[in-house]
């Protein structure tokens, strides 16, 4: 059975969790955004289309758990279009 954390240890853990992403997490986030942008850029159907890519969820909200969080990326279409490919 795992030992229970002290109040001090719990507060330290919460403080760590609520802090903004560190440099390695920031690189992970940017890499994920760039991978999504690259995937979009490879498809002719999206060329010239107004698309916005950004982080969503725990990273921009500073609620991610270091090492345990996934990276959520939002892809937003800012216009309507029809593609007949």
N, C-alpha and C. Protein backbone atom coordinates (compact mmCIF):
# COMPACT_ATOMS: atom_id res chain seq x y z
N UNK A 1 0.84 -1.17 0.00
CA UNK A 1 0.00 0.00 0.00
C UNK A 1 0.89 1.24 0.00
N UNK A 2 0.57 2.21 -0.84
CA UNK A 2 1.35 3.44 -0.94
C UNK A 2 1.09 4.32 0.27
N UNK A 3 2.13 5.02 0.69
CA UNK A 3 1.95 5.91 1.84
C UNK A 3 1.18 7.15 1.43
N UNK A 4 0.47 7.72 2.34
CA UNK A 4 -0.29 8.93 2.06
C UNK A 4 0.62 10.14 2.10
N UNK A 5 0.34 11.11 1.23
CA UNK A 5 1.13 12.33 1.20
C UNK A 5 0.77 13.22 2.38
N UNK A 6 1.76 13.95 2.86
CA UNK A 6 1.50 14.93 3.91
C UNK A 6 0.80 16.14 3.28
N UNK A 7 0.27 16.98 4.13
CA UNK A 7 -0.36 18.22 3.65
C UNK A 7 0.64 19.05 2.86
N UNK A 8 1.85 19.17 3.37
CA UNK A 8 2.89 19.93 2.67
C UNK A 8 3.18 19.33 1.30
N UNK A 9 3.29 18.00 1.22
CA UNK A 9 3.56 17.34 -0.06
C UNK A 9 2.40 17.54 -1.04
N UNK A 10 1.17 17.49 -0.55
CA UNK A 10 0.01 17.73 -1.41
C UNK A 10 0.01 19.15 -1.96
N UNK A 11 0.29 20.12 -1.09
CA UNK A 11 0.33 21.51 -1.53
C UNK A 11 1.44 21.75 -2.54
N UNK A 12 2.59 21.12 -2.33
CA UNK A 12 3.71 21.24 -3.28
C UNK A 12 3.33 20.63 -4.62
N UNK A 13 2.64 19.51 -4.61
CA UNK A 13 2.22 18.86 -5.84
C UNK A 13 1.19 19.71 -6.59
N UNK A 14 0.24 20.27 -5.88
CA UNK A 14 -0.76 21.14 -6.51
C UNK A 14 -0.09 22.38 -7.09
N UNK A 15 0.86 22.93 -6.36
CA UNK A 15 1.59 24.11 -6.86
C UNK A 15 2.34 23.78 -8.14
N UNK A 16 2.93 22.60 -8.20
CA UNK A 16 3.65 22.17 -9.41
C UNK A 16 2.67 22.01 -10.57
N UNK A 17 1.52 21.43 -10.31
CA UNK A 17 0.53 21.19 -11.36
C UNK A 17 -0.05 22.48 -11.92
N UNK A 18 -0.21 23.50 -11.08
CA UNK A 18 -0.87 24.72 -11.54
C UNK A 18 0.07 25.70 -12.22
N UNK A 19 1.35 25.42 -12.21
CA UNK A 19 2.30 26.32 -12.86
C UNK A 19 2.25 26.13 -14.38
N UNK A 20 2.63 27.18 -15.13
CA UNK A 20 2.61 27.08 -16.59
C UNK A 20 3.56 26.00 -17.09
N UNK A 21 3.36 25.56 -18.32
CA UNK A 21 4.25 24.53 -18.87
C UNK A 21 5.70 24.99 -18.87
N UNK A 22 6.60 24.08 -18.54
CA UNK A 22 8.02 24.38 -18.58
C UNK A 22 8.53 24.31 -20.01
N UNK A 23 9.83 24.56 -20.20
CA UNK A 23 10.40 24.57 -21.56
C UNK A 23 10.18 23.27 -22.33
N UNK A 24 10.33 22.13 -21.69
CA UNK A 24 10.16 20.86 -22.41
C UNK A 24 8.70 20.64 -22.79
N UNK A 25 7.77 21.01 -21.90
CA UNK A 25 6.36 20.88 -22.23
C UNK A 25 5.97 21.87 -23.33
N UNK A 26 6.56 23.07 -23.29
CA UNK A 26 6.28 24.06 -24.32
C UNK A 26 6.76 23.56 -25.69
N UNK A 27 7.92 22.92 -25.72
CA UNK A 27 8.43 22.34 -26.98
C UNK A 27 7.51 21.23 -27.46
N UNK A 28 7.03 20.41 -26.56
CA UNK A 28 6.11 19.32 -26.91
C UNK A 28 4.83 19.89 -27.51
N UNK A 29 4.31 20.95 -26.92
CA UNK A 29 3.11 21.59 -27.43
C UNK A 29 3.34 22.17 -28.82
N UNK A 30 4.43 22.90 -29.01
CA UNK A 30 4.74 23.50 -30.32
C UNK A 30 4.96 22.42 -31.38
N UNK A 31 5.62 21.34 -31.00
CA UNK A 31 5.85 20.23 -31.94
C UNK A 31 4.52 19.63 -32.38
N UNK A 32 3.58 19.45 -31.45
CA UNK A 32 2.26 18.91 -31.80
C UNK A 32 1.51 19.86 -32.73
N UNK A 33 1.54 21.15 -32.42
CA UNK A 33 0.89 22.13 -33.29
C UNK A 33 1.51 22.10 -34.69
N UNK A 34 2.84 22.06 -34.77
CA UNK A 34 3.51 22.04 -36.07
C UNK A 34 3.20 20.78 -36.86
N UNK A 35 3.08 19.64 -36.18
CA UNK A 35 2.74 18.39 -36.87
C UNK A 35 1.34 18.48 -37.48
N UNK A 36 0.41 19.06 -36.75
CA UNK A 36 -0.96 19.19 -37.27
C UNK A 36 -0.96 20.16 -38.45
N UNK A 37 -0.27 21.29 -38.32
CA UNK A 37 -0.19 22.26 -39.43
C UNK A 37 0.43 21.61 -40.67
N UNK A 38 1.49 20.84 -40.47
CA UNK A 38 2.15 20.17 -41.60
C UNK A 38 1.21 19.19 -42.28
N UNK A 39 0.43 18.45 -41.49
CA UNK A 39 -0.53 17.50 -42.07
C UNK A 39 -1.58 18.24 -42.88
N UNK A 40 -2.05 19.38 -42.38
CA UNK A 40 -3.05 20.18 -43.11
C UNK A 40 -2.44 20.72 -44.39
N UNK A 41 -1.22 21.22 -44.31
CA UNK A 41 -0.55 21.82 -45.48
C UNK A 41 -0.29 20.82 -46.60
N UNK A 42 -0.26 19.53 -46.30
CA UNK A 42 0.01 18.51 -47.31
C UNK A 42 -1.19 18.21 -48.19
N UNK A 43 -2.35 18.70 -47.83
CA UNK A 43 -3.56 18.39 -48.58
C UNK A 43 -4.02 19.60 -49.39
N UNK A 44 -4.10 19.42 -50.69
CA UNK A 44 -4.47 20.51 -51.59
C UNK A 44 -5.84 21.09 -51.26
N UNK A 45 -6.72 20.29 -50.71
CA UNK A 45 -8.08 20.77 -50.39
C UNK A 45 -8.05 21.92 -49.38
N UNK A 46 -6.98 22.01 -48.60
CA UNK A 46 -6.90 23.04 -47.57
C UNK A 46 -6.04 24.23 -47.98
N UNK A 47 -5.44 24.21 -49.16
CA UNK A 47 -4.60 25.32 -49.60
C UNK A 47 -5.45 26.57 -49.77
N UNK A 48 -5.02 27.66 -49.17
CA UNK A 48 -5.73 28.92 -49.28
C UNK A 48 -6.94 29.04 -48.38
N UNK A 49 -7.18 28.04 -47.55
CA UNK A 49 -8.33 28.05 -46.65
C UNK A 49 -7.89 28.64 -45.31
N UNK A 50 -8.71 29.49 -44.73
CA UNK A 50 -8.40 30.14 -43.47
C UNK A 50 -8.63 29.16 -42.31
N UNK A 51 -7.55 28.54 -41.86
CA UNK A 51 -7.59 27.55 -40.77
C UNK A 51 -6.68 28.03 -39.65
N UNK A 52 -7.17 27.94 -38.43
CA UNK A 52 -6.40 28.34 -37.25
C UNK A 52 -6.10 27.09 -36.42
N UNK A 53 -4.83 26.90 -36.05
CA UNK A 53 -4.41 25.75 -35.24
C UNK A 53 -3.84 26.29 -33.94
N UNK A 54 -4.32 25.74 -32.80
CA UNK A 54 -3.81 26.18 -31.50
C UNK A 54 -4.03 25.10 -30.45
N UNK A 55 -3.33 25.27 -29.33
CA UNK A 55 -3.49 24.36 -28.20
C UNK A 55 -4.86 24.56 -27.57
N UNK A 56 -5.38 23.50 -27.02
CA UNK A 56 -6.69 23.53 -26.37
C UNK A 56 -6.60 22.65 -25.13
N UNK A 57 -7.36 22.94 -24.14
CA UNK A 57 -7.43 22.07 -22.98
C UNK A 57 -6.46 22.43 -21.88
N UNK A 58 -5.83 21.42 -21.30
CA UNK A 58 -5.06 21.62 -20.07
C UNK A 58 -3.80 22.46 -20.25
N UNK A 59 -3.14 22.39 -21.39
CA UNK A 59 -1.90 23.17 -21.55
C UNK A 59 -2.15 24.67 -21.49
N UNK A 60 -3.00 25.24 -22.34
CA UNK A 60 -3.21 26.69 -22.25
C UNK A 60 -3.92 27.12 -20.98
N UNK A 61 -4.62 26.19 -20.32
CA UNK A 61 -5.31 26.51 -19.08
C UNK A 61 -4.43 26.31 -17.84
N UNK A 62 -3.18 25.88 -18.06
CA UNK A 62 -2.24 25.61 -16.96
C UNK A 62 -2.79 24.62 -15.94
N UNK A 63 -3.48 23.59 -16.44
CA UNK A 63 -4.01 22.55 -15.55
C UNK A 63 -3.46 21.18 -15.91
N UNK A 64 -2.44 21.14 -16.75
CA UNK A 64 -1.91 19.84 -17.16
C UNK A 64 -1.04 19.25 -16.06
N UNK A 65 -1.04 17.93 -15.99
CA UNK A 65 -0.21 17.20 -15.04
C UNK A 65 1.07 16.81 -15.78
N UNK A 66 2.19 17.34 -15.36
CA UNK A 66 3.46 17.13 -16.04
C UNK A 66 3.73 15.64 -16.28
N UNK A 67 4.05 15.33 -17.51
CA UNK A 67 4.39 13.96 -17.86
C UNK A 67 3.20 13.04 -18.06
N UNK A 68 2.03 13.46 -17.59
CA UNK A 68 0.84 12.61 -17.70
C UNK A 68 -0.19 13.17 -18.66
N UNK A 69 0.02 14.39 -19.14
CA UNK A 69 -1.00 15.04 -19.97
C UNK A 69 -0.76 14.80 -21.45
N UNK A 70 -1.85 14.63 -22.16
CA UNK A 70 -1.75 14.61 -23.61
C UNK A 70 -1.79 16.05 -24.10
N UNK A 71 -1.59 16.23 -25.37
CA UNK A 71 -1.63 17.57 -25.96
C UNK A 71 -2.85 17.63 -26.85
N UNK A 72 -3.77 18.53 -26.51
CA UNK A 72 -4.99 18.71 -27.30
C UNK A 72 -4.78 19.88 -28.25
N UNK A 73 -5.04 19.65 -29.53
CA UNK A 73 -4.86 20.67 -30.55
C UNK A 73 -6.22 20.94 -31.20
N UNK A 74 -6.56 22.21 -31.29
CA UNK A 74 -7.82 22.62 -31.93
C UNK A 74 -7.50 23.06 -33.36
N UNK A 75 -8.27 22.58 -34.31
CA UNK A 75 -8.19 23.01 -35.70
C UNK A 75 -9.52 23.68 -36.01
N UNK A 76 -9.46 24.98 -36.28
CA UNK A 76 -10.67 25.77 -36.48
C UNK A 76 -10.73 26.29 -37.91
N UNK A 77 -11.80 25.97 -38.59
CA UNK A 77 -12.05 26.48 -39.93
C UNK A 77 -12.77 27.81 -39.80
N UNK A 78 -12.18 28.86 -40.33
CA UNK A 78 -12.74 30.20 -40.19
C UNK A 78 -13.56 30.66 -41.39
N UNK A 79 -13.90 29.76 -42.27
CA UNK A 79 -14.72 30.10 -43.44
C UNK A 79 -15.39 28.83 -43.96
N UNK A 80 -16.37 29.01 -44.76
CA UNK A 80 -17.04 27.87 -45.38
C UNK A 80 -16.45 27.65 -46.77
N UNK A 81 -16.35 26.40 -47.15
CA UNK A 81 -15.87 26.10 -48.50
C UNK A 81 -16.44 24.76 -48.94
N UNK A 82 -16.41 24.55 -50.23
CA UNK A 82 -16.86 23.29 -50.82
C UNK A 82 -15.72 22.76 -51.68
N UNK A 83 -15.41 21.50 -51.49
CA UNK A 83 -14.35 20.88 -52.26
C UNK A 83 -14.90 19.64 -52.93
N UNK A 84 -14.77 19.58 -54.25
CA UNK A 84 -15.24 18.42 -55.00
C UNK A 84 -14.01 17.77 -55.62
N UNK A 85 -13.38 16.88 -54.87
CA UNK A 85 -12.13 16.31 -55.33
C UNK A 85 -12.29 14.94 -55.72
